[in-house]
Structure formats: structure tokens, C-alpha cells
Amino acid sequence: MKKSTDLSSGEFQKLIQLALQYLTIRQTLIENELANLRLELRTLEREEQLTVLERELHLLQQDYQRYQAFSDPTFRIDWESYYR
């Protein structure tokens, strides 16, 4: 396994940006699932699902904040054209 010191600054920023994008997408999916569950009738099973999803969302938001602290605000990458 390689060490993080083997990454250039640009590679590290790309990795951080990828992680932040993944976490943003995951957060949106969880928020949508939470919204759908809240529309359903109240049941014990639904309440348990809400608790699990809310906990997952909280942990995800903690990760996002942690990784965002490493993000260089001046680093820009155009993902649309990067892999073309």
C-alpha cells in the first residue's frame, strides 16, 4: 500500500474533491429517503428506519466537514472534461 506522501498536492486535492462529491451525492440520497419515510404512516418500523438514516446522515456530515477542511478552495477541476 502506498502512503499519502506519495501523492502530489494536485492528486490529493482531486482525491478530496472526489470524496466530497461522493458524500454530497450520498447525503442527497439519504435526505430523499428520509423525506419519503416521513410521508408514510407512523409505525415502529418506520421510526427505526428514520433513526438509522438520521444517524447515517449525521456521520456522513461529520466526514464531509472533516474532509472539507483539507480542501484547497483555489483548486478547480472540470470533472466533465477530465476523463475525456
PDB file of N, CA and C in Angstrom:
ATOM      1  N   MET A   1       0.848  -1.181   0.000  1.00  0.00           N
ATOM      2  CA  MET A   1       0.000   0.000   0.000  1.00  0.00           C
ATOM      3  C   MET A   1       0.888   1.236   0.000  1.00  0.00           C
ATOM      4  N   LYS A   2       0.526   2.186  -0.837  1.00  0.00           N
ATOM      5  CA  LYS A   2       1.267   3.438  -0.893  1.00  0.00           C
ATOM      6  C   LYS A   2       0.869   4.343   0.262  1.00  0.00           C
ATOM      7  N   LYS A   3       1.713   5.313   0.547  1.00  0.00           N
ATOM      8  CA  LYS A   3       1.448   6.271   1.617  1.00  0.00           C
ATOM      9  C   LYS A   3       0.890   7.559   1.024  1.00  0.00           C
ATOM     10  N   SER A   4       0.208   8.305   1.848  1.00  0.00           N
ATOM     11  CA  SER A   4      -0.378   9.560   1.368  1.00  0.00           C
ATOM     12  C   SER A   4       0.706  10.538   0.914  1.00  0.00           C
ATOM     13  N   THR A   5       1.911  10.391   1.409  1.00  0.00           N
ATOM     14  CA  THR A   5       3.002  11.273   0.991  1.00  0.00           C
ATOM     15  C   THR A   5       3.435  10.998  -0.444  1.00  0.00           C
ATOM     16  N   ASP A   6       2.996   9.868  -1.013  1.00  0.00           N
ATOM     17  CA  ASP A   6       3.301   9.550  -2.411  1.00  0.00           C
ATOM     18  C   ASP A   6       2.424  10.334  -3.388  1.00  0.00           C
ATOM     19  N   LEU A   7       1.402  11.021  -2.870  1.00  0.00           N
ATOM     20  CA  LEU A   7       0.506  11.818  -3.707  1.00  0.00           C
ATOM     21  C   LEU A   7       1.041  13.240  -3.853  1.00  0.00           C
ATOM     22  N   SER A   8       0.911  13.767  -5.052  1.00  0.00           N
ATOM     23  CA  SER A   8       1.229  15.184  -5.235  1.00  0.00           C
ATOM     24  C   SER A   8       0.091  16.005  -4.631  1.00  0.00           C
ATOM     25  N   SER A   9       0.311  17.293  -4.468  1.00  0.00           N
ATOM     26  CA  SER A   9      -0.721  18.168  -3.918  1.00  0.00           C
ATOM     27  C   SER A   9      -1.969  18.143  -4.795  1.00  0.00           C
ATOM     28  N   GLY A  10      -1.772  18.167  -6.131  1.00  0.00           N
ATOM     29  CA  GLY A  10      -2.911  18.122  -7.057  1.00  0.00           C
ATOM     30  C   GLY A  10      -3.674  16.813  -6.964  1.00  0.00           C
ATOM     31  N   GLU A  11      -2.955  15.704  -6.843  1.00  0.00           N
ATOM     32  CA  GLU A  11      -3.608  14.394  -6.724  1.00  0.00           C
ATOM     33  C   GLU A  11      -4.403  14.317  -5.424  1.00  0.00           C
ATOM     34  N   PHE A  12      -3.828  14.863  -4.358  1.00  0.00           N
ATOM     35  CA  PHE A  12      -4.515  14.861  -3.072  1.00  0.00           C
ATOM     36  C   PHE A  12      -5.798  15.680  -3.161  1.00  0.00           C
ATOM     37  N   GLN A  13      -5.742  16.829  -3.811  1.00  0.00           N
ATOM     38  CA  GLN A  13      -6.926  17.665  -3.951  1.00  0.00           C
ATOM     39  C   GLN A  13      -7.990  16.975  -4.806  1.00  0.00           C
ATOM     40  N   LYS A  14      -7.574  16.269  -5.847  1.00  0.00           N
ATOM     41  CA  LYS A  14      -8.541  15.510  -6.655  1.00  0.00           C
ATOM     42  C   LYS A  14      -9.224  14.451  -5.797  1.00  0.00           C
ATOM     43  N   LEU A  15      -8.443  13.779  -4.977  1.00  0.00           N
ATOM     44  CA  LEU A  15      -8.994  12.760  -4.087  1.00  0.00           C
ATOM     45  C   LEU A  15      -9.996  13.372  -3.114  1.00  0.00           C
ATOM     46  N   ILE A  16      -9.641  14.510  -2.547  1.00  0.00           N
ATOM     47  CA  ILE A  16     -10.552  15.199  -1.630  1.00  0.00           C
ATOM     48  C   ILE A  16     -11.832  15.609  -2.354  1.00  0.00           C
ATOM     49  N   GLN A  17     -11.703  16.156  -3.565  1.00  0.00           N
ATOM     50  CA  GLN A  17     -12.878  16.572  -4.327  1.00  0.00           C
ATOM     51  C   GLN A  17     -13.779  15.385  -4.652  1.00  0.00           C
ATOM     52  N   LEU A  18     -13.179  14.254  -5.004  1.00  0.00           N
ATOM     53  CA  LEU A  18     -13.972  13.042  -5.268  1.00  0.00           C
ATOM     54  C   LEU A  18     -14.726  12.599  -4.016  1.00  0.00           C
ATOM     55  N   ALA A  19     -14.042  12.609  -2.889  1.00  0.00           N
ATOM     56  CA  ALA A  19     -14.675  12.213  -1.629  1.00  0.00           C
ATOM     57  C   ALA A  19     -15.833  13.147  -1.294  1.00  0.00           C
ATOM     58  N   LEU A  20     -15.623  14.439  -1.464  1.00  0.00           N
ATOM     59  CA  LEU A  20     -16.682  15.403  -1.162  1.00  0.00           C
ATOM     60  C   LEU A  20     -17.869  15.239  -2.096  1.00  0.00           C
ATOM     61  N   GLN A  21     -17.610  14.969  -3.363  1.00  0.00           N
ATOM     62  CA  GLN A  21     -18.714  14.743  -4.306  1.00  0.00           C
ATOM     63  C   GLN A  21     -19.498  13.494  -3.931  1.00  0.00           C
ATOM     64  N   TYR A  22     -18.788  12.426  -3.589  1.00  0.00           N
ATOM     65  CA  TYR A  22     -19.467  11.196  -3.180  1.00  0.00           C
ATOM     66  C   TYR A  22     -20.334  11.459  -1.954  1.00  0.00           C
ATOM     67  N   LEU A  23     -19.774  12.143  -0.962  1.00  0.00           N
ATOM     68  CA  LEU A  23     -20.521  12.408   0.264  1.00  0.00           C
ATOM     69  C   LEU A  23     -21.738  13.295  -0.011  1.00  0.00           C
ATOM     70  N   THR A  24     -21.613  14.240  -0.921  1.00  0.00           N
ATOM     71  CA  THR A  24     -22.746  15.096  -1.285  1.00  0.00           C
ATOM     72  C   THR A  24     -23.861  14.275  -1.934  1.00  0.00           C
ATOM     73  N   ILE A  25     -23.491  13.404  -2.842  1.00  0.00           N
ATOM     74  CA  ILE A  25     -24.489  12.545  -3.502  1.00  0.00           C
ATOM     75  C   ILE A  25     -25.147  11.629  -2.482  1.00  0.00           C
ATOM     76  N   ARG A  26     -24.339  11.025  -1.626  1.00  0.00           N
ATOM     77  CA  ARG A  26     -24.866  10.114  -0.597  1.00  0.00           C
ATOM     78  C   ARG A  26     -25.810  10.867   0.338  1.00  0.00           C
ATOM     79  N   GLN A  27     -25.446  12.085   0.713  1.00  0.00           N
ATOM     80  CA  GLN A  27     -26.298  12.884   1.589  1.00  0.00           C
ATOM     81  C   GLN A  27     -27.638  13.163   0.927  1.00  0.00           C
ATOM     82  N   THR A  28     -27.622  13.506  -0.344  1.00  0.00           N
ATOM     83  CA  THR A  28     -28.868  13.772  -1.075  1.00  0.00           C
ATOM     84  C   THR A  28     -29.752  12.533  -1.105  1.00  0.00           C
ATOM     85  N   LEU A  29     -29.164  11.386  -1.349  1.00  0.00           N
ATOM     86  CA  LEU A  29     -29.941  10.143  -1.372  1.00  0.00           C
ATOM     87  C   LEU A  29     -30.575   9.851  -0.015  1.00  0.00           C
ATOM     88  N   ILE A  30     -29.814  10.049   1.046  1.00  0.00           N
ATOM     89  CA  ILE A  30     -30.340   9.800   2.397  1.00  0.00           C
ATOM     90  C   ILE A  30     -31.440  10.803   2.722  1.00  0.00           C
ATOM     91  N   GLU A  31     -31.232  12.068   2.387  1.00  0.00           N
ATOM     92  CA  GLU A  31     -32.255  13.082   2.650  1.00  0.00           C
ATOM     93  C   GLU A  31     -33.543  12.774   1.892  1.00  0.00           C
ATOM     94  N   ASN A  32     -33.426  12.307   0.659  1.00  0.00           N
ATOM     95  CA  ASN A  32     -34.617  11.929  -0.112  1.00  0.00           C
ATOM     96  C   ASN A  32     -35.328  10.744   0.526  1.00  0.00           C
ATOM     97  N   GLU A  33     -34.563   9.761   0.974  1.00  0.00           N
ATOM     98  CA  GLU A  33     -35.163   8.598   1.631  1.00  0.00           C
ATOM     99  C   GLU A  33     -35.845   9.002   2.932  1.00  0.00           C
ATOM    100  N   LEU A  34     -35.214   9.906   3.683  1.00  0.00           N
ATOM    101  CA  LEU A  34     -35.827  10.403   4.917  1.00  0.00           C
ATOM    102  C   LEU A  34     -37.140  11.118   4.619  1.00  0.00           C
ATOM    103  N   ALA A  35     -37.138  11.946   3.595  1.00  0.00           N
ATOM    104  CA  ALA A  35     -38.360  12.674   3.226  1.00  0.00           C
ATOM    105  C   ALA A  35     -39.476  11.711   2.847  1.00  0.00           C
ATOM    106  N   ASN A  36     -39.150  10.680   2.098  1.00  0.00           N
ATOM    107  CA  ASN A  36     -40.158   9.682   1.715  1.00  0.00           C
ATOM    108  C   ASN A  36     -40.694   8.938   2.927  1.00  0.00           C
ATOM    109  N   LEU A  37     -39.815   8.578   3.858  1.00  0.00           N
ATOM    110  CA  LEU A  37     -40.257   7.867   5.060  1.00  0.00           C
ATOM    111  C   LEU A  37     -41.157   8.742   5.918  1.00  0.00           C
ATOM    112  N   ARG A  38     -40.864  10.013   5.977  1.00  0.00           N
ATOM    113  CA  ARG A  38     -41.671  10.931   6.800  1.00  0.00           C
ATOM    114  C   ARG A  38     -43.083  11.087   6.251  1.00  0.00           C
ATOM    115  N   LEU A  39     -43.272  10.801   4.968  1.00  0.00           N
ATOM    116  CA  LEU A  39     -44.605  10.896   4.370  1.00  0.00           C
ATOM    117  C   LEU A  39     -45.473   9.682   4.691  1.00  0.00           C
ATOM    118  N   GLU A  40     -44.837   8.589   5.060  1.00  0.00           N
ATOM    119  CA  GLU A  40     -45.573   7.360   5.357  1.00  0.00           C
ATOM    120  C   GLU A  40     -46.242   7.447   6.733  1.00  0.00           C
ATOM    121  N   LEU A  41     -47.188   6.553   6.960  1.00  0.00           N
ATOM    122  CA  LEU A  41     -47.836   6.483   8.263  1.00  0.00           C
ATOM    123  C   LEU A  41     -46.813   6.098   9.330  1.00  0.00           C
ATOM    124  N   ARG A  42     -47.028   6.603  10.524  1.00  0.00           N
ATOM    125  CA  ARG A  42     -46.110   6.318  11.622  1.00  0.00           C
ATOM    126  C   ARG A  42     -46.241   4.856  12.051  1.00  0.00           C
ATOM    127  N   THR A  43     -45.121   4.194  12.043  1.00  0.00           N
ATOM    128  CA  THR A  43     -45.057   2.832  12.561  1.00  0.00           C
ATOM    129  C   THR A  43     -43.736   2.696  13.299  1.00  0.00           C
ATOM    130  N   LEU A  44     -43.644   1.683  14.125  1.00  0.00           N
ATOM    131  CA  LEU A  44     -42.409   1.440  14.862  1.00  0.00           C
ATOM    132  C   LEU A  44     -41.266   1.141  13.898  1.00  0.00           C
ATOM    133  N   GLU A  45     -41.566   0.377  12.867  1.00  0.00           N
ATOM    134  CA  GLU A  45     -40.544   0.028  11.880  1.00  0.00           C
ATOM    135  C   GLU A  45     -40.039   1.284  11.159  1.00  0.00           C
ATOM    136  N   ARG A  46     -40.960   2.158  10.813  1.00  0.00           N
ATOM    137  CA  ARG A  46     -40.578   3.404  10.141  1.00  0.00           C
ATOM    138  C   ARG A  46     -39.729   4.265  11.052  1.00  0.00           C
ATOM    139  N   GLU A  47     -40.096   4.333  12.316  1.00  0.00           N
ATOM    140  CA  GLU A  47     -39.323   5.121  13.286  1.00  0.00           C
ATOM    141  C   GLU A  47     -37.897   4.573  13.408  1.00  0.00           C
ATOM    142  N   GLU A  48     -37.754   3.263  13.387  1.00  0.00           N
ATOM    143  CA  GLU A  48     -36.423   2.652  13.452  1.00  0.00           C
ATOM    144  C   GLU A  48     -35.616   2.995  12.198  1.00  0.00           C
ATOM    145  N   GLN A  49     -36.264   2.966  11.041  1.00  0.00           N
ATOM    146  CA  GLN A  49     -35.589   3.324   9.787  1.00  0.00           C
ATOM    147  C   GLN A  49     -35.152   4.788   9.810  1.00  0.00           C
ATOM    148  N   LEU A  50     -36.020   5.655  10.314  1.00  0.00           N
ATOM    149  CA  LEU A  50     -35.679   7.075  10.418  1.00  0.00           C
ATOM    150  C   LEU A  50     -34.462   7.277  11.321  1.00  0.00           C
ATOM    151  N   THR A  51     -34.444   6.578  12.437  1.00  0.00           N
ATOM    152  CA  THR A  51     -33.320   6.692  13.368  1.00  0.00           C
ATOM    153  C   THR A  51     -32.022   6.262  12.716  1.00  0.00           C
ATOM    154  N   VAL A  52     -32.058   5.150  12.002  1.00  0.00           N
ATOM    155  CA  VAL A  52     -30.861   4.649  11.320  1.00  0.00           C
ATOM    156  C   VAL A  52     -30.393   5.640  10.261  1.00  0.00           C
ATOM    157  N   LEU A  53     -31.318   6.135   9.450  1.00  0.00           N
ATOM    158  CA  LEU A  53     -30.952   7.077   8.395  1.00  0.00           C
ATOM    159  C   LEU A  53     -30.448   8.409   8.956  1.00  0.00           C
ATOM    160  N   GLU A  54     -31.069   8.886  10.017  1.00  0.00           N
ATOM    161  CA  GLU A  54     -30.623  10.137  10.627  1.00  0.00           C
ATOM    162  C   GLU A  54     -29.224   9.992  11.211  1.00  0.00           C
ATOM    163  N   ARG A  55     -28.937   8.841  11.782  1.00  0.00           N
ATOM    164  CA  ARG A  55     -27.591   8.573  12.311  1.00  0.00           C
ATOM    165  C   ARG A  55     -26.576   8.513  11.166  1.00  0.00           C
ATOM    166  N   GLU A  56     -26.938   7.843  10.081  1.00  0.00           N
ATOM    167  CA  GLU A  56     -26.060   7.753   8.920  1.00  0.00           C
ATOM    168  C   GLU A  56     -25.801   9.143   8.335  1.00  0.00           C
ATOM    169  N   LEU A  57     -26.839   9.953   8.257  1.00  0.00           N
ATOM    170  CA  LEU A  57     -26.700  11.303   7.736  1.00  0.00           C
ATOM    171  C   LEU A  57     -25.773  12.134   8.626  1.00  0.00           C
ATOM    172  N   HIS A  58     -25.917  12.004   9.916  1.00  0.00           N
ATOM    173  CA  HIS A  58     -25.069  12.730  10.862  1.00  0.00           C
ATOM    174  C   HIS A  58     -23.594  12.340  10.688  1.00  0.00           C
ATOM    175  N   LEU A  59     -23.323  11.055  10.595  1.00  0.00           N
ATOM    176  CA  LEU A  59     -21.946  10.584  10.414  1.00  0.00           C
ATOM    177  C   LEU A  59     -21.379  11.046   9.077  1.00  0.00           C
ATOM    178  N   LEU A  60     -22.207  11.020   8.050  1.00  0.00           N
ATOM    179  CA  LEU A  60     -21.791  11.472   6.735  1.00  0.00           C
ATOM    180  C   LEU A  60     -21.436  12.960   6.772  1.00  0.00           C
ATOM    181  N   GLN A  61     -22.237  13.747   7.439  1.00  0.00           N
ATOM    182  CA  GLN A  61     -21.971  15.180   7.539  1.00  0.00           C
ATOM    183  C   GLN A  61     -20.683  15.446   8.317  1.00  0.00           C
ATOM    184  N   GLN A  62     -20.403  14.644   9.324  1.00  0.00           N
ATOM    185  CA  GLN A  62     -19.142  14.774  10.052  1.00  0.00           C
ATOM    186  C   GLN A  62     -17.954  14.495   9.135  1.00  0.00           C
ATOM    187  N   ASP A  63     -18.050  13.442   8.336  1.00  0.00           N
ATOM    188  CA  ASP A  63     -16.988  13.130   7.378  1.00  0.00           C
ATOM    189  C   ASP A  63     -16.804  14.257   6.384  1.00  0.00           C
ATOM    190  N   TYR A  64     -17.903  14.801   5.891  1.00  0.00           N
ATOM    191  CA  TYR A  64     -17.828  15.887   4.914  1.00  0.00           C
ATOM    192  C   TYR A  64     -17.075  17.074   5.501  1.00  0.00           C
ATOM    193  N   GLN A  65     -17.429  17.460   6.711  1.00  0.00           N
ATOM    194  CA  GLN A  65     -16.764  18.590   7.348  1.00  0.00           C
ATOM    195  C   GLN A  65     -15.275  18.309   7.565  1.00  0.00           C
ATOM    196  N   ARG A  66     -14.967  17.096   7.941  1.00  0.00           N
ATOM    197  CA  ARG A  66     -13.558  16.717   8.156  1.00  0.00           C
ATOM    198  C   ARG A  66     -12.778  16.815   6.858  1.00  0.00           C
ATOM    199  N   TYR A  67     -13.291  16.249   5.778  1.00  0.00           N
ATOM    200  CA  TYR A  67     -12.576  16.267   4.505  1.00  0.00           C
ATOM    201  C   TYR A  67     -12.558  17.658   3.888  1.00  0.00           C
ATOM    202  N   GLN A  68     -13.600  18.420   4.110  1.00  0.00           N
ATOM    203  CA  GLN A  68     -13.655  19.762   3.547  1.00  0.00           C
ATOM    204  C   GLN A  68     -12.541  20.632   4.126  1.00  0.00           C
ATOM    205  N   ALA A  69     -12.123  20.350   5.340  1.00  0.00           N
ATOM    206  CA  ALA A  69     -11.040  21.100   5.962  1.00  0.00           C
ATOM    207  C   ALA A  69      -9.723  20.926   5.190  1.00  0.00           C
ATOM    208  N   PHE A  70      -9.586  19.845   4.443  1.00  0.00           N
ATOM    209  CA  PHE A  70      -8.379  19.588   3.658  1.00  0.00           C
ATOM    210  C   PHE A  70      -8.493  20.159   2.241  1.00  0.00           C
ATOM    211  N   SER A  71      -9.654  20.615   1.872  1.00  0.00           N
ATOM    212  CA  SER A  71      -9.902  21.079   0.511  1.00  0.00           C
ATOM    213  C   SER A  71      -9.308  22.472   0.292  1.00  0.00           C
ATOM    214  N   ASP A  72      -8.556  22.602  -0.776  1.00  0.00           N
ATOM    215  CA  ASP A  72      -7.983  23.887  -1.163  1.00  0.00           C
ATOM    216  C   ASP A  72      -9.040  24.640  -1.973  1.00  0.00           C
ATOM    217  N   PRO A  73      -9.543  25.773  -1.475  1.00  0.00           N
ATOM    218  CA  PRO A  73     -10.620  26.480  -2.179  1.00  0.00           C
ATOM    219  C   PRO A  73     -10.189  27.024  -3.543  1.00  0.00           C
ATOM    220  N   THR A  74      -8.899  27.114  -3.786  1.00  0.00           N
ATOM    221  CA  THR A  74      -8.436  27.621  -5.079  1.00  0.00           C
ATOM    222  C   THR A  74      -8.266  26.508  -6.107  1.00  0.00           C
ATOM    223  N   PHE A  75      -8.340  25.249  -5.677  1.00  0.00           N
ATOM    224  CA  PHE A  75      -8.179  24.116  -6.591  1.00  0.00           C
ATOM    225  C   PHE A  75      -9.466  23.911  -7.372  1.00  0.00           C
ATOM    226  N   ARG A  76      -9.351  23.897  -8.684  1.00  0.00           N
ATOM    227  CA  ARG A  76     -10.513  23.698  -9.548  1.00  0.00           C
ATOM    228  C   ARG A  76     -10.227  22.559 -10.514  1.00  0.00           C
ATOM    229  N   ILE A  77     -11.219  21.736 -10.727  1.00  0.00           N
ATOM    230  CA  ILE A  77     -11.099  20.670 -11.713  1.00  0.00           C
ATOM    231  C   ILE A  77     -12.439  20.527 -12.419  1.00  0.00           C
ATOM    232  N   ASP A  78     -12.397  20.401 -13.709  1.00  0.00           N
ATOM    233  CA  ASP A  78     -13.600  20.230 -14.514  1.00  0.00           C
ATOM    234  C   ASP A  78     -13.796  18.733 -14.741  1.00  0.00           C
ATOM    235  N   TRP A  79     -14.630  18.121 -13.905  1.00  0.00           N
ATOM    236  CA  TRP A  79     -14.823  16.665 -13.973  1.00  0.00           C
ATOM    237  C   TRP A  79     -15.469  16.246 -15.284  1.00  0.00           C
ATOM    238  N   GLU A  80     -16.253  17.136 -15.871  1.00  0.00           N
ATOM    239  CA  GLU A  80     -16.918  16.802 -17.137  1.00  0.00           C
ATOM    240  C   GLU A  80     -15.903  16.504 -18.241  1.00  0.00           C
ATOM    241  N   SER A  81     -14.823  17.256 -18.271  1.00  0.00           N
ATOM    242  CA  SER A  81     -13.831  17.055 -19.338  1.00  0.00           C
ATOM    243  C   SER A  81     -12.602  16.285 -18.863  1.00  0.00           C
ATOM    244  N   TYR A  82     -12.460  16.067 -17.580  1.00  0.00           N
ATOM    245  CA  TYR A  82     -11.253  15.417 -17.044  1.00  0.00           C
ATOM    246  C   TYR A  82     -11.019  14.024 -17.625  1.00  0.00           C
ATOM    247  N   TYR A  83     -12.040  13.222 -17.722  1.00  0.00           N
ATOM    248  CA  TYR A  83     -11.901  11.837 -18.183  1.00  0.00           C
ATOM    249  C   TYR A  83     -12.146  11.668 -19.675  1.00  0.00           C
ATOM    250  N   ARG A  84     -12.273  12.743 -20.409  1.00  0.00           N
ATOM    251  CA  ARG A  84     -12.496  12.658 -21.848  1.00  0.00           C
ATOM    252  C   ARG A  84     -11.196  12.662 -22.587  1.00  0.00           C
TER     253      ARG A  84
END
